Amino acid sequence: MEINTLRFGKIAVQEDKVITFPRGILGFAKNKRYILFPHSEGSPFFWLQSVEDGDLAFVVMNPQFVKADYSIDVDENILKELEVNKEENLEVVCIVTVPRHDPRLMTINLLGPIIINAQNRCAVQIICDKQSYSHRHPLIQERPAQ
């Protein structure tokens, strides 16, 4: 199948690569089908592009690139919803916000991770309750003055 997108023009999508969000992504409940592809070779960033709405795409990345000790507790009900057989089949990404005026001010939403069952391509976005995480965690940390 082909989809028309705002950022990438017309792209071919293999049906077996589509990730399904039964509940949608928070704030975008009507969009349930997405594809995930790298921003560029060697980049830590990926695009999560809606198959149903060519204008809707999110920048995402593995949160452990920003916070090496990042971990979440996935509720048993979520694991059932994702039909997870082995937890090692889970992939976790978080949405990155890139301000137009200054990309150096990018943030990552560590409170709203996206959990993907890599085997069946089913995903959910959850809200984690770790007080130490922020929905606007800076991607680029300021270096102390020397």
C-alpha atoms as a PDB file:
ATOM      1  CA  MET A   1       0.000   0.000   0.000  1.00  0.00           C
ATOM      2  CA  GLU A   2       1.083   3.617  -0.486  1.00  0.00           C
ATOM      3  CA  ILE A   3       0.325   6.569   1.747  1.00  0.00           C
ATOM      4  CA  ASN A   4       0.711  10.288   1.104  1.00  0.00           C
ATOM      5  CA  THR A   5       2.536  12.051   3.915  1.00  0.00           C
ATOM      6  CA  LEU A   6       3.218  15.687   4.671  1.00  0.00           C
ATOM      7  CA  ARG A   7       6.913  15.209   5.488  1.00  0.00           C
ATOM      8  CA  PHE A   8       7.982  12.319   3.251  1.00  0.00           C
ATOM      9  CA  GLY A   9       5.668  12.523   0.238  1.00  0.00           C
ATOM     10  CA  LYS A  10       4.345   9.233  -1.074  1.00  0.00           C
ATOM     11  CA  ILE A  11       5.766   6.207   0.746  1.00  0.00           C
ATOM     12  CA  ALA A  12       5.242   2.495   0.303  1.00  0.00           C
ATOM     13  CA  VAL A  13       4.093   0.647   3.410  1.00  0.00           C
ATOM     14  CA  GLN A  14       4.212  -3.092   3.903  1.00  0.00           C
ATOM     15  CA  GLU A  15       1.077  -4.228   5.732  1.00  0.00           C
ATOM     16  CA  ASP A  16       3.105  -6.580   7.958  1.00  0.00           C
ATOM     17  CA  LYS A  17       5.156  -3.592   9.218  1.00  0.00           C
ATOM     18  CA  VAL A  18       2.120  -1.627  10.450  1.00  0.00           C
ATOM     19  CA  ILE A  19       1.950  -1.140  14.217  1.00  0.00           C
ATOM     20  CA  THR A  20      -1.575  -1.102  15.638  1.00  0.00           C
ATOM     21  CA  PHE A  21      -2.540   0.989  18.663  1.00  0.00           C
ATOM     22  CA  PRO A  22      -5.964  -0.368  19.735  1.00  0.00           C
ATOM     23  CA  ARG A  23      -6.513   2.752  21.886  1.00  0.00           C
ATOM     24  CA  GLY A  24      -4.570   5.166  19.705  1.00  0.00           C
ATOM     25  CA  ILE A  25      -1.928   7.516  21.066  1.00  0.00           C
ATOM     26  CA  LEU A  26      -2.922   9.953  23.820  1.00  0.00           C
ATOM     27  CA  GLY A  27      -4.687  12.874  22.157  1.00  0.00           C
ATOM     28  CA  PHE A  28      -4.916  11.001  18.834  1.00  0.00           C
ATOM     29  CA  ALA A  29      -7.330   8.175  19.660  1.00  0.00           C
ATOM     30  CA  LYS A  30      -8.833   7.937  16.166  1.00  0.00           C
ATOM     31  CA  ASN A  31      -5.448   7.147  14.550  1.00  0.00           C
ATOM     32  CA  LYS A  32      -4.685   3.507  15.260  1.00  0.00           C
ATOM     33  CA  ARG A  33      -2.203   2.416  12.577  1.00  0.00           C
ATOM     34  CA  TYR A  34       1.397   3.619  12.284  1.00  0.00           C
ATOM     35  CA  ILE A  35       4.702   2.682  10.745  1.00  0.00           C
ATOM     36  CA  LEU A  36       8.052   3.157  12.438  1.00  0.00           C
ATOM     37  CA  PHE A  37      11.162   3.954  10.433  1.00  0.00           C
ATOM     38  CA  PRO A  38      14.580   5.500  11.108  1.00  0.00           C
ATOM     39  CA  HIS A  39      15.129   9.226  10.670  1.00  0.00           C
ATOM     40  CA  SER A  40      18.440   8.477   8.967  1.00  0.00           C
ATOM     41  CA  GLU A  41      21.137   5.840   9.117  1.00  0.00           C
ATOM     42  CA  GLY A  42      22.884   5.884  12.483  1.00  0.00           C
ATOM     43  CA  SER A  43      20.416   8.356  14.016  1.00  0.00           C
ATOM     44  CA  PRO A  44      18.859   7.595  17.418  1.00  0.00           C
ATOM     45  CA  PHE A  45      15.599   9.109  16.150  1.00  0.00           C
ATOM     46  CA  PHE A  46      12.731   7.315  14.442  1.00  0.00           C
ATOM     47  CA  TRP A  47       9.519   8.505  12.825  1.00  0.00           C
ATOM     48  CA  LEU A  48       6.193   7.085  13.956  1.00  0.00           C
ATOM     49  CA  GLN A  49       4.039   7.956  10.942  1.00  0.00           C
ATOM     50  CA  SER A  50       0.267   7.529  10.954  1.00  0.00           C
ATOM     51  CA  VAL A  51      -0.977   5.384   8.084  1.00  0.00           C
ATOM     52  CA  GLU A  52      -4.460   6.947   8.301  1.00  0.00           C
ATOM     53  CA  ASP A  53      -3.380  10.605   8.473  1.00  0.00           C
ATOM     54  CA  GLY A  54      -0.398  11.614   6.331  1.00  0.00           C
ATOM     55  CA  ASP A  55      -0.065  14.864   8.288  1.00  0.00           C
ATOM     56  CA  LEU A  56       0.482  13.068  11.618  1.00  0.00           C
ATOM     57  CA  ALA A  57       3.971  11.852  12.543  1.00  0.00           C
ATOM     58  CA  PHE A  58       5.908  11.769  15.797  1.00  0.00           C
ATOM     59  CA  VAL A  59       9.647  11.779  16.397  1.00  0.00           C
ATOM     60  CA  VAL A  60      10.457   8.984  18.860  1.00  0.00           C
ATOM     61  CA  MET A  61      13.549   7.402  20.353  1.00  0.00           C
ATOM     62  CA  ASN A  62      14.693   4.802  22.842  1.00  0.00           C
ATOM     63  CA  PRO A  63      14.627   6.603  26.219  1.00  0.00           C
ATOM     64  CA  GLN A  64      17.756   4.787  27.403  1.00  0.00           C
ATOM     65  CA  PHE A  65      19.823   6.919  25.020  1.00  0.00           C
ATOM     66  CA  VAL A  66      18.921   9.876  27.222  1.00  0.00           C
ATOM     67  CA  LYS A  67      18.521   8.208  30.612  1.00  0.00           C
ATOM     68  CA  ALA A  68      20.550   4.987  30.792  1.00  0.00           C
ATOM     69  CA  ASP A  69      18.707   3.741  33.885  1.00  0.00           C
ATOM     70  CA  TYR A  70      15.237   4.345  32.396  1.00  0.00           C
ATOM     71  CA  SER A  71      12.826   1.606  33.398  1.00  0.00           C
ATOM     72  CA  ILE A  72       9.083   1.228  33.664  1.00  0.00           C
ATOM     73  CA  ASP A  73       6.753  -1.263  35.255  1.00  0.00           C
ATOM     74  CA  VAL A  74       4.294  -2.590  32.713  1.00  0.00           C
ATOM     75  CA  ASP A  75       0.991  -3.612  34.267  1.00  0.00           C
ATOM     76  CA  GLU A  76      -0.147  -7.199  33.771  1.00  0.00           C
ATOM     77  CA  ASN A  77      -3.297  -5.969  31.976  1.00  0.00           C
ATOM     78  CA  ILE A  78      -1.154  -4.096  29.439  1.00  0.00           C
ATOM     79  CA  LEU A  79       0.912  -7.229  28.814  1.00  0.00           C
ATOM     80  CA  LYS A  80      -2.323  -9.154  28.186  1.00  0.00           C
ATOM     81  CA  GLU A  81      -3.602  -6.430  25.862  1.00  0.00           C
ATOM     82  CA  LEU A  82      -0.356  -6.587  23.899  1.00  0.00           C
ATOM     83  CA  GLU A  83      -0.501 -10.402  23.887  1.00  0.00           C
ATOM     84  CA  VAL A  84       3.071 -10.601  25.144  1.00  0.00           C
ATOM     85  CA  ASN A  85       4.597 -14.050  25.499  1.00  0.00           C
ATOM     86  CA  LYS A  86       8.084 -12.864  26.430  1.00  0.00           C
ATOM     87  CA  GLU A  87       8.928  -9.467  27.847  1.00  0.00           C
ATOM     88  CA  GLU A  88      12.080  -9.388  25.706  1.00  0.00           C
ATOM     89  CA  ASN A  89       9.721  -8.946  22.712  1.00  0.00           C
ATOM     90  CA  LEU A  90       8.821  -5.495  24.053  1.00  0.00           C
ATOM     91  CA  GLU A  91      10.305  -2.337  22.611  1.00  0.00           C
ATOM     92  CA  VAL A  92       9.965   1.015  24.346  1.00  0.00           C
ATOM     93  CA  VAL A  93      10.125   4.408  22.659  1.00  0.00           C
ATOM     94  CA  CYS A  94       9.184   7.863  23.866  1.00  0.00           C
ATOM     95  CA  ILE A  95       7.921  10.872  21.932  1.00  0.00           C
ATOM     96  CA  VAL A  96      10.391  13.696  21.333  1.00  0.00           C
ATOM     97  CA  THR A  97       9.300  17.320  21.005  1.00  0.00           C
ATOM     98  CA  VAL A  98      11.470  19.418  18.701  1.00  0.00           C
ATOM     99  CA  PRO A  99      10.794  23.163  18.992  1.00  0.00           C
ATOM    100  CA  ARG A 100      10.909  24.910  15.617  1.00  0.00           C
ATOM    101  CA  HIS A 101      12.633  27.981  17.030  1.00  0.00           C
ATOM    102  CA  ASP A 102      15.548  26.068  18.618  1.00  0.00           C
ATOM    103  CA  PRO A 103      16.029  22.307  18.115  1.00  0.00           C
ATOM    104  CA  ARG A 104      18.661  22.335  20.875  1.00  0.00           C
ATOM    105  CA  LEU A 105      15.721  22.634  23.301  1.00  0.00           C
ATOM    106  CA  MET A 106      14.340  19.191  22.345  1.00  0.00           C
ATOM    107  CA  THR A 107      12.632  17.255  25.107  1.00  0.00           C
ATOM    108  CA  ILE A 108      11.520  13.650  25.524  1.00  0.00           C
ATOM    109  CA  ASN A 109       8.344  12.502  27.268  1.00  0.00           C
ATOM    110  CA  LEU A 110       9.578   9.929  29.785  1.00  0.00           C
ATOM    111  CA  LEU A 111       6.169   9.833  31.504  1.00  0.00           C
ATOM    112  CA  GLY A 112       4.290   8.587  28.428  1.00  0.00           C
ATOM    113  CA  PRO A 113       6.297   5.725  26.928  1.00  0.00           C
ATOM    114  CA  ILE A 114       5.038   3.702  23.984  1.00  0.00           C
ATOM    115  CA  ILE A 115       5.269  -0.045  24.516  1.00  0.00           C
ATOM    116  CA  ILE A 116       5.432  -2.159  21.338  1.00  0.00           C
ATOM    117  CA  ASN A 117       5.136  -5.928  21.068  1.00  0.00           C
ATOM    118  CA  ALA A 118       7.689  -6.471  18.303  1.00  0.00           C
ATOM    119  CA  GLN A 119       6.193  -9.862  17.443  1.00  0.00           C
ATOM    120  CA  ASN A 120       2.582  -8.961  16.741  1.00  0.00           C
ATOM    121  CA  ARG A 121       3.136  -5.202  16.099  1.00  0.00           C
ATOM    122  CA  CYS A 122       0.570  -4.187  18.752  1.00  0.00           C
ATOM    123  CA  ALA A 123       1.321  -1.086  20.871  1.00  0.00           C
ATOM    124  CA  VAL A 124      -0.005   1.090  23.665  1.00  0.00           C
ATOM    125  CA  GLN A 125       1.055   4.352  25.201  1.00  0.00           C
ATOM    126  CA  ILE A 126       0.998   4.251  28.976  1.00  0.00           C
ATOM    127  CA  ILE A 127       1.391   6.828  31.710  1.00  0.00           C
ATOM    128  CA  CYS A 128       4.032   5.859  34.218  1.00  0.00           C
ATOM    129  CA  ASP A 129       3.959   7.150  37.750  1.00  0.00           C
ATOM    130  CA  LYS A 130       7.666   7.543  38.476  1.00  0.00           C
ATOM    131  CA  GLN A 131       8.109  10.883  40.187  1.00  0.00           C
ATOM    132  CA  SER A 132      11.679  11.187  38.896  1.00  0.00           C
ATOM    133  CA  TYR A 133      10.549  11.294  35.226  1.00  0.00           C
ATOM    134  CA  SER A 134       9.305  14.318  33.336  1.00  0.00           C
ATOM    135  CA  HIS A 135       7.175  14.780  30.246  1.00  0.00           C
ATOM    136  CA  ARG A 136       9.746  17.398  29.191  1.00  0.00           C
ATOM    137  CA  HIS A 137      13.100  15.816  29.961  1.00  0.00           C
ATOM    138  CA  PRO A 138      15.822  17.719  28.041  1.00  0.00           C
ATOM    139  CA  LEU A 139      17.595  15.703  25.362  1.00  0.00           C
ATOM    140  CA  ILE A 140      20.660  17.908  25.410  1.00  0.00           C
ATOM    141  CA  GLN A 141      21.973  18.491  28.898  1.00  0.00           C
ATOM    142  CA  GLU A 142      23.789  21.746  29.571  1.00  0.00           C
ATOM    143  CA  ARG A 143      27.448  21.266  30.282  1.00  0.00           C
ATOM    144  CA  PRO A 144      28.793  22.937  33.400  1.00  0.00           C
ATOM    145  CA  ALA A 145      30.990  25.962  32.784  1.00  0.00           C
ATOM    146  CA  GLN A 146      34.702  25.230  33.158  1.00  0.00           C
END
